[in-house]
Amino acid sequence: VQLVESGGGLVQAGGSLRLSCAASGITFSVRTMAWYRQAPGNQREFVARITPSGDTIYADSVKGRFTIARDGAKNTVYLQMSNLKPDDTAVYYCTAERLGLWGKGTQVTVSS
């Protein structure tokens, strides 16, 4: 049972990245999945959530710039990030909400 994030990296402000989170050992199709992030010295904060039916919700700080999506055939949830800002710099974590299952995170660094 695990979640494995990938796709992080270093990008210039205004650039884009797509994060992936591959799930194994869970019934992915019935799970609400979410992305959170944690910047140095800050608490972990909510970024985006997607329900099994595909309903989505976003933090105000990323609305209009980030898109969460899921692929049931691949048991994978994605976070497409566009128009990135230095304030988006953080470790991004995937979670299967209500299971208390978290990945180890992937670092996103946005340079100005």
PDB file of N, CA and C in Angstrom:
ATOM      1  N   VAL A   1       0.865  -1.183   0.000  1.00  0.00           N
ATOM      2  CA  VAL A   1       0.000   0.000   0.000  1.00  0.00           C
ATOM      3  C   VAL A   1       0.898   1.228   0.000  1.00  0.00           C
ATOM      4  N   GLN A   2       0.864   2.000  -1.072  1.00  0.00           N
ATOM      5  CA  GLN A   2       1.717   3.190  -1.124  1.00  0.00           C
ATOM      6  C   GLN A   2       1.257   4.164  -2.187  1.00  0.00           C
ATOM      7  N   LEU A   3       1.719   5.394  -1.996  1.00  0.00           N
ATOM      8  CA  LEU A   3       1.553   6.464  -2.973  1.00  0.00           C
ATOM      9  C   LEU A   3       2.945   6.965  -3.315  1.00  0.00           C
ATOM     10  N   VAL A   4       3.224   7.098  -4.601  1.00  0.00           N
ATOM     11  CA  VAL A   4       4.546   7.529  -5.033  1.00  0.00           C
ATOM     12  C   VAL A   4       4.404   8.731  -5.953  1.00  0.00           C
ATOM     13  N   GLU A   5       4.919   9.883  -5.492  1.00  0.00           N
ATOM     14  CA  GLU A   5       4.871  11.114  -6.283  1.00  0.00           C
ATOM     15  C   GLU A   5       6.094  11.209  -7.176  1.00  0.00           C
ATOM     16  N   SER A   6       5.909  11.893  -8.293  1.00  0.00           N
ATOM     17  CA  SER A   6       7.019  12.188  -9.202  1.00  0.00           C
ATOM     18  C   SER A   6       6.690  13.437  -9.999  1.00  0.00           C
ATOM     19  N   GLY A   7       7.708  13.956 -10.685  1.00  0.00           N
ATOM     20  CA  GLY A   7       7.478  15.085 -11.574  1.00  0.00           C
ATOM     21  C   GLY A   7       7.937  16.431 -11.051  1.00  0.00           C
ATOM     22  N   GLY A   8       8.411  16.473  -9.832  1.00  0.00           N
ATOM     23  CA  GLY A   8       8.899  17.736  -9.306  1.00  0.00           C
ATOM     24  C   GLY A   8      10.204  18.154  -9.965  1.00  0.00           C
ATOM     25  N   GLY A   9      10.627  19.374  -9.651  1.00  0.00           N
ATOM     26  CA  GLY A   9      11.878  19.860 -10.220  1.00  0.00           C
ATOM     27  C   GLY A   9      12.030  21.346 -10.042  1.00  0.00           C
ATOM     28  N   LEU A  10      13.000  21.891 -10.757  1.00  0.00           N
ATOM     29  CA  LEU A  10      13.279  23.327 -10.722  1.00  0.00           C
ATOM     30  C   LEU A  10      12.737  23.963 -11.998  1.00  0.00           C
ATOM     31  N   VAL A  11      11.979  25.028 -11.831  1.00  0.00           N
ATOM     32  CA  VAL A  11      11.380  25.703 -12.975  1.00  0.00           C
ATOM     33  C   VAL A  11      11.402  27.210 -12.725  1.00  0.00           C
ATOM     34  N   GLN A  12      11.462  27.977 -13.787  1.00  0.00           N
ATOM     35  CA  GLN A  12      11.420  29.432 -13.654  1.00  0.00           C
ATOM     36  C   GLN A  12       9.986  29.911 -13.446  1.00  0.00           C
ATOM     37  N   ALA A  13       9.861  31.041 -12.828  1.00  0.00           N
ATOM     38  CA  ALA A  13       8.537  31.634 -12.637  1.00  0.00           C
ATOM     39  C   ALA A  13       7.834  31.770 -13.989  1.00  0.00           C
ATOM     40  N   GLY A  14       6.553  31.441 -13.990  1.00  0.00           N
ATOM     41  CA  GLY A  14       5.791  31.448 -15.224  1.00  0.00           C
ATOM     42  C   GLY A  14       5.768  30.115 -15.945  1.00  0.00           C
ATOM     43  N   GLY A  15       6.598  29.204 -15.504  1.00  0.00           N
ATOM     44  CA  GLY A  15       6.684  27.905 -16.141  1.00  0.00           C
ATOM     45  C   GLY A  15       5.631  26.928 -15.635  1.00  0.00           C
ATOM     46  N   SER A  16       5.742  25.692 -16.124  1.00  0.00           N
ATOM     47  CA  SER A  16       4.755  24.654 -15.801  1.00  0.00           C
ATOM     48  C   SER A  16       5.453  23.362 -15.382  1.00  0.00           C
ATOM     49  N   LEU A  17       4.739  22.592 -14.583  1.00  0.00           N
ATOM     50  CA  LEU A  17       5.160  21.247 -14.218  1.00  0.00           C
ATOM     51  C   LEU A  17       3.916  20.391 -14.068  1.00  0.00           C
ATOM     52  N   ARG A  18       4.074  19.083 -14.288  1.00  0.00           N
ATOM     53  CA  ARG A  18       2.999  18.157 -14.008  1.00  0.00           C
ATOM     54  C   ARG A  18       3.481  17.113 -13.007  1.00  0.00           C
ATOM     55  N   LEU A  19       2.813  17.069 -11.888  1.00  0.00           N
ATOM     56  CA  LEU A  19       3.125  16.065 -10.872  1.00  0.00           C
ATOM     57  C   LEU A  19       2.233  14.847 -11.063  1.00  0.00           C
ATOM     58  N   SER A  20       2.780  13.691 -10.741  1.00  0.00           N
ATOM     59  CA  SER A  20       2.028  12.441 -10.807  1.00  0.00           C
ATOM     60  C   SER A  20       2.094  11.751  -9.452  1.00  0.00           C
ATOM     61  N   CYS A  21       1.055  11.005  -9.158  1.00  0.00           N
ATOM     62  CA  CYS A  21       1.017  10.221  -7.918  1.00  0.00           C
ATOM     63  C   CYS A  21       0.424   8.862  -8.267  1.00  0.00           C
ATOM     64  N   ALA A  22       1.258   7.841  -8.217  1.00  0.00           N
ATOM     65  CA  ALA A  22       0.829   6.487  -8.536  1.00  0.00           C
ATOM     66  C   ALA A  22       0.435   5.762  -7.258  1.00  0.00           C
ATOM     67  N   ALA A  23      -0.764   5.213  -7.257  1.00  0.00           N
ATOM     68  CA  ALA A  23      -1.286   4.519  -6.085  1.00  0.00           C
ATOM     69  C   ALA A  23      -1.238   3.010  -6.305  1.00  0.00           C
ATOM     70  N   SER A  24      -0.916   2.300  -5.251  1.00  0.00           N
ATOM     71  CA  SER A  24      -0.946   0.840  -5.302  1.00  0.00           C
ATOM     72  C   SER A  24      -1.459   0.304  -3.975  1.00  0.00           C
ATOM     73  N   GLY A  25      -2.156  -0.814  -4.055  1.00  0.00           N
ATOM     74  CA  GLY A  25      -2.647  -1.453  -2.842  1.00  0.00           C
ATOM     75  C   GLY A  25      -3.918  -0.868  -2.267  1.00  0.00           C
ATOM     76  N   ILE A  26      -4.534   0.076  -2.987  1.00  0.00           N
ATOM     77  CA  ILE A  26      -5.802   0.648  -2.541  1.00  0.00           C
ATOM     78  C   ILE A  26      -6.813   0.548  -3.668  1.00  0.00           C
ATOM     79  N   THR A  27      -8.082   0.638  -3.307  1.00  0.00           N
ATOM     80  CA  THR A  27      -9.127   0.666  -4.333  1.00  0.00           C
ATOM     81  C   THR A  27      -9.253   2.104  -4.808  1.00  0.00           C
ATOM     82  N   PHE A  28      -8.424   2.430  -5.771  1.00  0.00           N
ATOM     83  CA  PHE A  28      -8.259   3.827  -6.207  1.00  0.00           C
ATOM     84  C   PHE A  28      -9.581   4.442  -6.646  1.00  0.00           C
ATOM     85  N   SER A  29     -10.400   3.664  -7.291  1.00  0.00           N
ATOM     86  CA  SER A  29     -11.608   4.212  -7.913  1.00  0.00           C
ATOM     87  C   SER A  29     -12.604   4.784  -6.904  1.00  0.00           C
ATOM     88  N   VAL A  30     -12.513   4.371  -5.643  1.00  0.00           N
ATOM     89  CA  VAL A  30     -13.480   4.847  -4.650  1.00  0.00           C
ATOM     90  C   VAL A  30     -12.885   5.889  -3.712  1.00  0.00           C
ATOM     91  N   ARG A  31     -11.644   6.276  -3.974  1.00  0.00           N
ATOM     92  CA  ARG A  31     -10.945   7.163  -3.042  1.00  0.00           C
ATOM     93  C   ARG A  31     -10.903   8.604  -3.519  1.00  0.00           C
ATOM     94  N   THR A  32     -11.218   9.508  -2.625  1.00  0.00           N
ATOM     95  CA  THR A  32     -10.946  10.916  -2.872  1.00  0.00           C
ATOM     96  C   THR A  32      -9.448  11.130  -2.688  1.00  0.00           C
ATOM     97  N   MET A  33      -8.836  11.746  -3.678  1.00  0.00           N
ATOM     98  CA  MET A  33      -7.394  11.978  -3.666  1.00  0.00           C
ATOM     99  C   MET A  33      -7.135  13.483  -3.583  1.00  0.00           C
ATOM    100  N   ALA A  34      -6.016  13.829  -3.001  1.00  0.00           N
ATOM    101  CA  ALA A  34      -5.708  15.247  -2.830  1.00  0.00           C
ATOM    102  C   ALA A  34      -4.207  15.487  -2.890  1.00  0.00           C
ATOM    103  N   TRP A  35      -3.876  16.721  -3.161  1.00  0.00           N
ATOM    104  CA  TRP A  35      -2.503  17.214  -3.098  1.00  0.00           C
ATOM    105  C   TRP A  35      -2.413  18.266  -1.999  1.00  0.00           C
ATOM    106  N   TYR A  36      -1.341  18.177  -1.243  1.00  0.00           N
ATOM    107  CA  TYR A  36      -0.995  19.164  -0.242  1.00  0.00           C
ATOM    108  C   TYR A  36       0.450  19.604  -0.510  1.00  0.00           C
ATOM    109  N   ARG A  37       0.850  20.686   0.114  1.00  0.00           N
ATOM    110  CA  ARG A  37       2.238  21.134  -0.018  1.00  0.00           C
ATOM    111  C   ARG A  37       2.726  21.725   1.294  1.00  0.00           C
ATOM    112  N   GLN A  38       4.037  21.686   1.453  1.00  0.00           N
ATOM    113  CA  GLN A  38       4.644  22.236   2.654  1.00  0.00           C
ATOM    114  C   GLN A  38       5.929  22.957   2.288  1.00  0.00           C
ATOM    115  N   ALA A  39       5.928  24.254   2.530  1.00  0.00           N
ATOM    116  CA  ALA A  39       7.122  25.067   2.313  1.00  0.00           C
ATOM    117  C   ALA A  39       7.947  25.095   3.594  1.00  0.00           C
ATOM    118  N   PRO A  40       9.242  25.357   3.487  1.00  0.00           N
ATOM    119  CA  PRO A  40      10.094  25.390   4.682  1.00  0.00           C
ATOM    120  C   PRO A  40       9.565  26.360   5.729  1.00  0.00           C
ATOM    121  N   GLY A  41       9.440  25.882   6.956  1.00  0.00           N
ATOM    122  CA  GLY A  41       8.976  26.720   8.051  1.00  0.00           C
ATOM    123  C   GLY A  41       7.473  26.896   8.120  1.00  0.00           C
ATOM    124  N   ASN A  42       6.764  26.301   7.168  1.00  0.00           N
ATOM    125  CA  ASN A  42       5.301  26.445   7.132  1.00  0.00           C
ATOM    126  C   ASN A  42       4.618  25.118   7.432  1.00  0.00           C
ATOM    127  N   GLN A  43       3.349  25.217   7.776  1.00  0.00           N
ATOM    128  CA  GLN A  43       2.555  24.002   7.952  1.00  0.00           C
ATOM    129  C   GLN A  43       2.140  23.460   6.589  1.00  0.00           C
ATOM    130  N   ARG A  44       1.843  22.174   6.572  1.00  0.00           N
ATOM    131  CA  ARG A  44       1.348  21.571   5.342  1.00  0.00           C
ATOM    132  C   ARG A  44      -0.016  22.185   5.020  1.00  0.00           C
ATOM    133  N   GLU A  45      -0.221  22.532   3.751  1.00  0.00           N
ATOM    134  CA  GLU A  45      -1.468  23.172   3.359  1.00  0.00           C
ATOM    135  C   GLU A  45      -2.125  22.465   2.189  1.00  0.00           C
ATOM    136  N   PHE A  46      -3.431  22.558   2.151  1.00  0.00           N
ATOM    137  CA  PHE A  46      -4.232  21.952   1.099  1.00  0.00           C
ATOM    138  C   PHE A  46      -4.001  22.672  -0.227  1.00  0.00           C
ATOM    139  N   VAL A  47      -3.940  21.882  -1.305  1.00  0.00           N
ATOM    140  CA  VAL A  47      -3.786  22.450  -2.650  1.00  0.00           C
ATOM    141  C   VAL A  47      -5.009  22.145  -3.514  1.00  0.00           C
ATOM    142  N   ALA A  48      -5.352  20.866  -3.633  1.00  0.00           N
ATOM    143  CA  ALA A  48      -6.458  20.481  -4.511  1.00  0.00           C
ATOM    144  C   ALA A  48      -6.945  19.091  -4.134  1.00  0.00           C
ATOM    145  N   ARG A  49      -8.219  18.842  -4.501  1.00  0.00           N
ATOM    146  CA  ARG A  49      -8.859  17.571  -4.165  1.00  0.00           C
ATOM    147  C   ARG A  49      -9.722  17.121  -5.333  1.00  0.00           C
ATOM    148  N   ILE A  50      -9.792  15.804  -5.549  1.00  0.00           N
ATOM    149  CA  ILE A  50     -10.664  15.261  -6.591  1.00  0.00           C
ATOM    150  C   ILE A  50     -11.389  14.040  -6.034  1.00  0.00           C
ATOM    151  N   THR A  51     -12.693  14.018  -6.221  1.00  0.00           N
ATOM    152  CA  THR A  51     -13.504  12.905  -5.727  1.00  0.00           C
ATOM    153  C   THR A  51     -13.504  11.760  -6.732  1.00  0.00           C
ATOM    154  N   PRO A  52     -14.048  10.618  -6.348  1.00  0.00           N
ATOM    155  CA  PRO A  52     -14.118   9.504  -7.296  1.00  0.00           C
ATOM    156  C   PRO A  52     -14.913   9.848  -8.556  1.00  0.00           C
ATOM    157  N   SER A  53     -15.886  10.728  -8.435  1.00  0.00           N
ATOM    158  CA  SER A  53     -16.695  11.108  -9.595  1.00  0.00           C
ATOM    159  C   SER A  53     -16.076  12.231 -10.413  1.00  0.00           C
ATOM    160  N   GLY A  54     -14.944  12.747  -9.943  1.00  0.00           N
ATOM    161  CA  GLY A  54     -14.243  13.779 -10.699  1.00  0.00           C
ATOM    162  C   GLY A  54     -14.519  15.204 -10.264  1.00  0.00           C
ATOM    163  N   ASP A  55     -15.297  15.392  -9.217  1.00  0.00           N
ATOM    164  CA  ASP A  55     -15.491  16.745  -8.703  1.00  0.00           C
ATOM    165  C   ASP A  55     -14.188  17.246  -8.086  1.00  0.00           C
ATOM    166  N   THR A  56     -13.915  18.523  -8.315  1.00  0.00           N
ATOM    167  CA  THR A  56     -12.648  19.088  -7.857  1.00  0.00           C
ATOM    168  C   THR A  56     -12.860  20.332  -7.004  1.00  0.00           C
ATOM    169  N   ILE A  57     -11.877  20.601  -6.171  1.00  0.00           N
ATOM    170  CA  ILE A  57     -11.861  21.815  -5.375  1.00  0.00           C
ATOM    171  C   ILE A  57     -10.411  22.232  -5.221  1.00  0.00           C
ATOM    172  N   TYR A  58     -10.187  23.545  -5.197  1.00  0.00           N
ATOM    173  CA  TYR A  58      -8.832  24.079  -5.159  1.00  0.00           C
ATOM    174  C   TYR A  58      -8.682  25.124  -4.063  1.00  0.00           C
ATOM    175  N   ALA A  59      -7.468  25.233  -3.570  1.00  0.00           N
ATOM    176  CA  ALA A  59      -7.148  26.346  -2.695  1.00  0.00           C
ATOM    177  C   ALA A  59      -7.201  27.632  -3.515  1.00  0.00           C
ATOM    178  N   ASP A  60      -7.593  28.708  -2.885  1.00  0.00           N
ATOM    179  CA  ASP A  60      -7.697  29.988  -3.589  1.00  0.00           C
ATOM    180  C   ASP A  60      -6.367  30.394  -4.214  1.00  0.00           C
ATOM    181  N   SER A  61      -5.276  30.045  -3.573  1.00  0.00           N
ATOM    182  CA  SER A  61      -3.965  30.468  -4.040  1.00  0.00           C
ATOM    183  C   SER A  61      -3.553  29.814  -5.357  1.00  0.00           C
ATOM    184  N   VAL A  62      -4.199  28.714  -5.727  1.00  0.00           N
ATOM    185  CA  VAL A  62      -3.813  28.012  -6.954  1.00  0.00           C
ATOM    186  C   VAL A  62      -4.944  27.966  -7.977  1.00  0.00           C
ATOM    187  N   LYS A  63      -6.106  28.449  -7.608  1.00  0.00           N
ATOM    188  CA  LYS A  63      -7.270  28.377  -8.490  1.00  0.00           C
ATOM    189  C   LYS A  63      -6.974  29.098  -9.798  1.00  0.00           C
ATOM    190  N   GLY A  64      -7.289  28.443 -10.905  1.00  0.00           N
ATOM    191  CA  GLY A  64      -7.048  29.026 -12.216  1.00  0.00           C
ATOM    192  C   GLY A  64      -5.661  28.747 -12.762  1.00  0.00           C
ATOM    193  N   ARG A  65      -4.768  28.234 -11.920  1.00  0.00           N
ATOM    194  CA  ARG A  65      -3.401  27.926 -12.370  1.00  0.00           C
ATOM    195  C   ARG A  65      -3.103  26.425 -12.301  1.00  0.00           C
ATOM    196  N   PHE A  66      -3.700  25.746 -11.352  1.00  0.00           N
ATOM    197  CA  PHE A  66      -3.459  24.310 -11.166  1.00  0.00           C
ATOM    198  C   PHE A  66      -4.703  23.521 -11.551  1.00  0.00           C
ATOM    199  N   THR A  67      -4.487  22.315 -12.053  1.00  0.00           N
ATOM    200  CA  THR A  67      -5.585  21.414 -12.398  1.00  0.00           C
ATOM    201  C   THR A  67      -5.277  20.019 -11.872  1.00  0.00           C
ATOM    202  N   ILE A  68      -6.212  19.480 -11.111  1.00  0.00           N
ATOM    203  CA  ILE A  68      -6.069  18.116 -10.613  1.00  0.00           C
ATOM    204  C   ILE A  68      -6.910  17.195 -11.494  1.00  0.00           C
ATOM    205  N   ALA A  69      -6.375  16.014 -11.770  1.00  0.00           N
ATOM    206  CA  ALA A  69      -7.078  15.045 -12.607  1.00  0.00           C
ATOM    207  C   ALA A  69      -6.699  13.638 -12.148  1.00  0.00           C
ATOM    208  N   ARG A  70      -7.501  12.671 -12.564  1.00  0.00           N
ATOM    209  CA  ARG A  70      -7.202  11.295 -12.178  1.00  0.00           C
ATOM    210  C   ARG A  70      -7.412  10.367 -13.364  1.00  0.00           C
ATOM    211  N   ASP A  71      -6.642   9.288 -13.385  1.00  0.00           N
ATOM    212  CA  ASP A  71      -6.743   8.270 -14.422  1.00  0.00           C
ATOM    213  C   ASP A  71      -6.948   6.929 -13.718  1.00  0.00           C
ATOM    214  N   GLY A  72      -8.172   6.422 -13.771  1.00  0.00           N
ATOM    215  CA  GLY A  72      -8.493   5.183 -13.083  1.00  0.00           C
ATOM    216  C   GLY A  72      -7.776   3.983 -13.657  1.00  0.00           C
ATOM    217  N   ALA A  73      -7.508   4.008 -14.934  1.00  0.00           N
ATOM    218  CA  ALA A  73      -6.835   2.879 -15.575  1.00  0.00           C
ATOM    219  C   ALA A  73      -5.389   2.765 -15.100  1.00  0.00           C
ATOM    220  N   LYS A  74      -4.822   3.883 -14.697  1.00  0.00           N
ATOM    221  CA  LYS A  74      -3.428   3.897 -14.254  1.00  0.00           C
ATOM    222  C   LYS A  74      -3.299   4.063 -12.743  1.00  0.00           C
ATOM    223  N   ASN A  75      -4.438   4.178 -12.046  1.00  0.00           N
ATOM    224  CA  ASN A  75      -4.399   4.419 -10.595  1.00  0.00           C
ATOM    225  C   ASN A  75      -3.489   5.592 -10.261  1.00  0.00           C
ATOM    226  N   THR A  76      -3.655   6.659 -11.007  1.00  0.00           N
ATOM    227  CA  THR A  76      -2.754   7.798 -10.879  1.00  0.00           C
ATOM    228  C   THR A  76      -3.556   9.095 -10.803  1.00  0.00           C
ATOM    229  N   VAL A  77      -3.109   9.983  -9.940  1.00  0.00           N
ATOM    230  CA  VAL A  77      -3.676  11.321  -9.865  1.00  0.00           C
ATOM    231  C   VAL A  77      -2.588  12.313 -10.265  1.00  0.00           C
ATOM    232  N   TYR A  78      -2.990  13.353 -10.975  1.00  0.00           N
ATOM    233  CA  TYR A  78      -2.055  14.329 -11.510  1.00  0.00           C
ATOM    234  C   TYR A  78      -2.341  15.713 -10.936  1.00  0.00           C
ATOM    235  N   LEU A  79      -1.310  16.532 -10.971  1.00  0.00           N
ATOM    236  CA  LEU A  79      -1.472  17.947 -10.665  1.00  0.00           C
ATOM    237  C   LEU A  79      -0.719  18.723 -11.735  1.00  0.00           C
ATOM    238  N   GLN A  80      -1.471  19.317 -12.642  1.00  0.00           N
ATOM    239  CA  GLN A  80      -0.886  20.174 -13.676  1.00  0.00           C
ATOM    240  C   GLN A  80      -0.765  21.571 -13.103  1.00  0.00           C
ATOM    241  N   MET A  81       0.447  22.081 -13.080  1.00  0.00           N
ATOM    242  CA  MET A  81       0.704  23.397 -12.493  1.00  0.00           C
ATOM    243  C   MET A  81       1.220  24.327 -13.571  1.00  0.00           C
ATOM    244  N   SER A  82       0.560  25.451 -13.720  1.00  0.00           N
ATOM    245  CA  SER A  82       0.941  26.429 -14.739  1.00  0.00           C
ATOM    246  C   SER A  82       1.138  27.785 -14.089  1.00  0.00           C
ATOM    247  N   ASN A  83       1.805  28.678 -14.831  1.00  0.00           N
ATOM    248  CA  ASN A  83       2.063  30.029 -14.322  1.00  0.00           C
ATOM    249  C   ASN A  83       2.606  29.967 -12.888  1.00  0.00           C
ATOM    250  N   LEU A  84       3.612  29.153 -12.709  1.00  0.00           N
ATOM    251  CA  LEU A  84       4.160  28.942 -11.374  1.00  0.00           C
ATOM    252  C   LEU A  84       4.824  30.195 -10.830  1.00  0.00           C
ATOM    253  N   LYS A  85       4.726  30.349  -9.516  1.00  0.00           N
ATOM    254  CA  LYS A  85       5.278  31.497  -8.823  1.00  0.00           C
ATOM    255  C   LYS A  85       6.282  31.016  -7.770  1.00  0.00           C
ATOM    256  N   PRO A  86       7.216  31.870  -7.387  1.00  0.00           N
ATOM    257  CA  PRO A  86       8.156  31.467  -6.336  1.00  0.00           C
ATOM    258  C   PRO A  86       7.461  30.990  -5.060  1.00  0.00           C
ATOM    259  N   ASP A  87       6.296  31.556  -4.754  1.00  0.00           N
ATOM    260  CA  ASP A  87       5.549  31.138  -3.561  1.00  0.00           C
ATOM    261  C   ASP A  87       5.008  29.714  -3.672  1.00  0.00           C
ATOM    262  N   ASP A  88       5.052  29.130  -4.862  1.00  0.00           N
ATOM    263  CA  ASP A  88       4.615  27.734  -5.028  1.00  0.00           C
ATOM    264  C   ASP A  88       5.719  26.751  -4.628  1.00  0.00           C
ATOM    265  N   THR A  89       6.899  27.257  -4.341  1.00  0.00           N
ATOM    266  CA  THR A  89       8.004  26.397  -3.934  1.00  0.00           C
ATOM    267  C   THR A  89       7.655  25.649  -2.653  1.00  0.00           C
ATOM    268  N   ALA A  90       7.738  24.323  -2.714  1.00  0.00           N
ATOM    269  CA  ALA A  90       7.354  23.490  -1.576  1.00  0.00           C
ATOM    270  C   ALA A  90       7.595  22.027  -1.928  1.00  0.00           C
ATOM    271  N   VAL A  91       7.476  21.190  -0.922  1.00  0.00           N
ATOM    272  CA  VAL A  91       7.373  19.754  -1.167  1.00  0.00           C
ATOM    273  C   VAL A  91       5.886  19.446  -1.334  1.00  0.00           C
ATOM    274  N   TYR A  92       5.559  18.774  -2.423  1.00  0.00           N
ATOM    275  CA  TYR A  92       4.170  18.459  -2.734  1.00  0.00           C
ATOM    276  C   TYR A  92       3.902  16.988  -2.390  1.00  0.00           C
ATOM    277  N   TYR A  93       2.809  16.787  -1.660  1.00  0.00           N
ATOM    278  CA  TYR A  93       2.440  15.463  -1.193  1.00  0.00           C
ATOM    279  C   TYR A  93       1.084  15.048  -1.749  1.00  0.00           C
ATOM    280  N   CYS A  94       1.004  13.785  -2.074  1.00  0.00           N
ATOM    281  CA  CYS A  94      -0.252  13.186  -2.498  1.00  0.00           C
ATOM    282  C   CYS A  94      -0.825  12.416  -1.315  1.00  0.00           C
ATOM    283  N   THR A  95      -2.157  12.423  -1.210  1.00  0.00           N
ATOM    284  CA  THR A  95      -2.789  11.685  -0.126  1.00  0.00           C
ATOM    285  C   THR A  95      -4.100  11.066  -0.580  1.00  0.00           C
ATOM    286  N   ALA A  96      -4.365   9.889  -0.042  1.00  0.00           N
ATOM    287  CA  ALA A  96      -5.672   9.257  -0.189  1.00  0.00           C
ATOM    288  C   ALA A  96      -6.437   9.650   1.074  1.00  0.00           C
ATOM    289  N   GLU A  97      -7.295  10.642   0.920  1.00  0.00           N
ATOM    290  CA  GLU A  97      -7.964  11.187   2.098  1.00  0.00           C
ATOM    291  C   GLU A  97      -8.853  10.123   2.735  1.00  0.00           C
ATOM    292  N   ARG A  98      -8.970  10.200   4.042  1.00  0.00           N
ATOM    293  CA  ARG A  98      -9.745   9.284   4.876  1.00  0.00           C
ATOM    294  C   ARG A  98      -9.046   7.954   5.098  1.00  0.00           C
ATOM    295  N   LEU A  99      -7.997   7.692   4.333  1.00  0.00           N
ATOM    296  CA  LEU A  99      -7.181   6.516   4.598  1.00  0.00           C
ATOM    297  C   LEU A  99      -5.982   6.878   5.460  1.00  0.00           C
ATOM    298  N   GLY A 100      -5.653   8.173   5.490  1.00  0.00           N
ATOM    299  CA  GLY A 100      -4.460   8.585   6.214  1.00  0.00           C
ATOM    300  C   GLY A 100      -3.188   8.122   5.550  1.00  0.00           C
ATOM    301  N   LEU A 101      -3.258   7.925   4.226  1.00  0.00           N
ATOM    302  CA  LEU A 101      -2.117   7.439   3.467  1.00  0.00           C
ATOM    303  C   LEU A 101      -1.477   8.613   2.711  1.00  0.00           C
ATOM    304  N   TRP A 102      -0.166   8.782   2.889  1.00  0.00           N
ATOM    305  CA  TRP A 102       0.571   9.871   2.268  1.00  0.00           C
ATOM    306  C   TRP A 102       1.774   9.330   1.511  1.00  0.00           C
ATOM    307  N   GLY A 103       2.122  10.013   0.439  1.00  0.00           N
ATOM    308  CA  GLY A 103       3.373   9.737  -0.225  1.00  0.00           C
ATOM    309  C   GLY A 103       4.519  10.445   0.474  1.00  0.00           C
ATOM    310  N   LYS A 104       5.735  10.234  -0.050  1.00  0.00           N
ATOM    311  CA  LYS A 104       6.910  10.855   0.560  1.00  0.00           C
ATOM    312  C   LYS A 104       7.167  12.258   0.045  1.00  0.00           C
ATOM    313  N   GLY A 105       6.479  12.640  -1.004  1.00  0.00           N
ATOM    314  CA  GLY A 105       6.588  14.004  -1.495  1.00  0.00           C
ATOM    315  C   GLY A 105       7.557  14.165  -2.649  1.00  0.00           C
ATOM    316  N   THR A 106       7.375  15.252  -3.389  1.00  0.00           N
ATOM    317  CA  THR A 106       8.266  15.617  -4.477  1.00  0.00           C
ATOM    318  C   THR A 106       8.513  17.123  -4.402  1.00  0.00           C
ATOM    319  N   GLN A 107       9.764  17.513  -4.560  1.00  0.00           N
ATOM    320  CA  GLN A 107      10.140  18.913  -4.385  1.00  0.00           C
ATOM    321  C   GLN A 107       9.861  19.710  -5.649  1.00  0.00           C
ATOM    322  N   VAL A 108       9.213  20.840  -5.469  1.00  0.00           N
ATOM    323  CA  VAL A 108       9.005  21.807  -6.558  1.00  0.00           C
ATOM    324  C   VAL A 108       9.676  23.111  -6.137  1.00  0.00           C
ATOM    325  N   THR A 109      10.564  23.588  -6.983  1.00  0.00           N
ATOM    326  CA  THR A 109      11.263  24.838  -6.714  1.00  0.00           C
ATOM    327  C   THR A 109      11.050  25.779  -7.884  1.00  0.00           C
ATOM    328  N   VAL A 110      10.534  26.955  -7.602  1.00  0.00           N
ATOM    329  CA  VAL A 110      10.263  27.955  -8.636  1.00  0.00           C
ATOM    330  C   VAL A 110      11.193  29.141  -8.411  1.00  0.00           C
ATOM    331  N   SER A 111      12.023  29.403  -9.383  1.00  0.00           N
ATOM    332  CA  SER A 111      12.983  30.507  -9.281  1.00  0.00           C
ATOM    333  C   SER A 111      12.394  31.769  -9.890  1.00  0.00           C
ATOM    334  N   SER A 112      12.794  32.896  -9.327  1.00  0.00           N
ATOM    335  CA  SER A 112      12.269  34.178  -9.825  1.00  0.00           C
ATOM    336  C   SER A 112      13.140  34.733 -10.929  1.00  0.00           C
TER     337      SER A 112
END
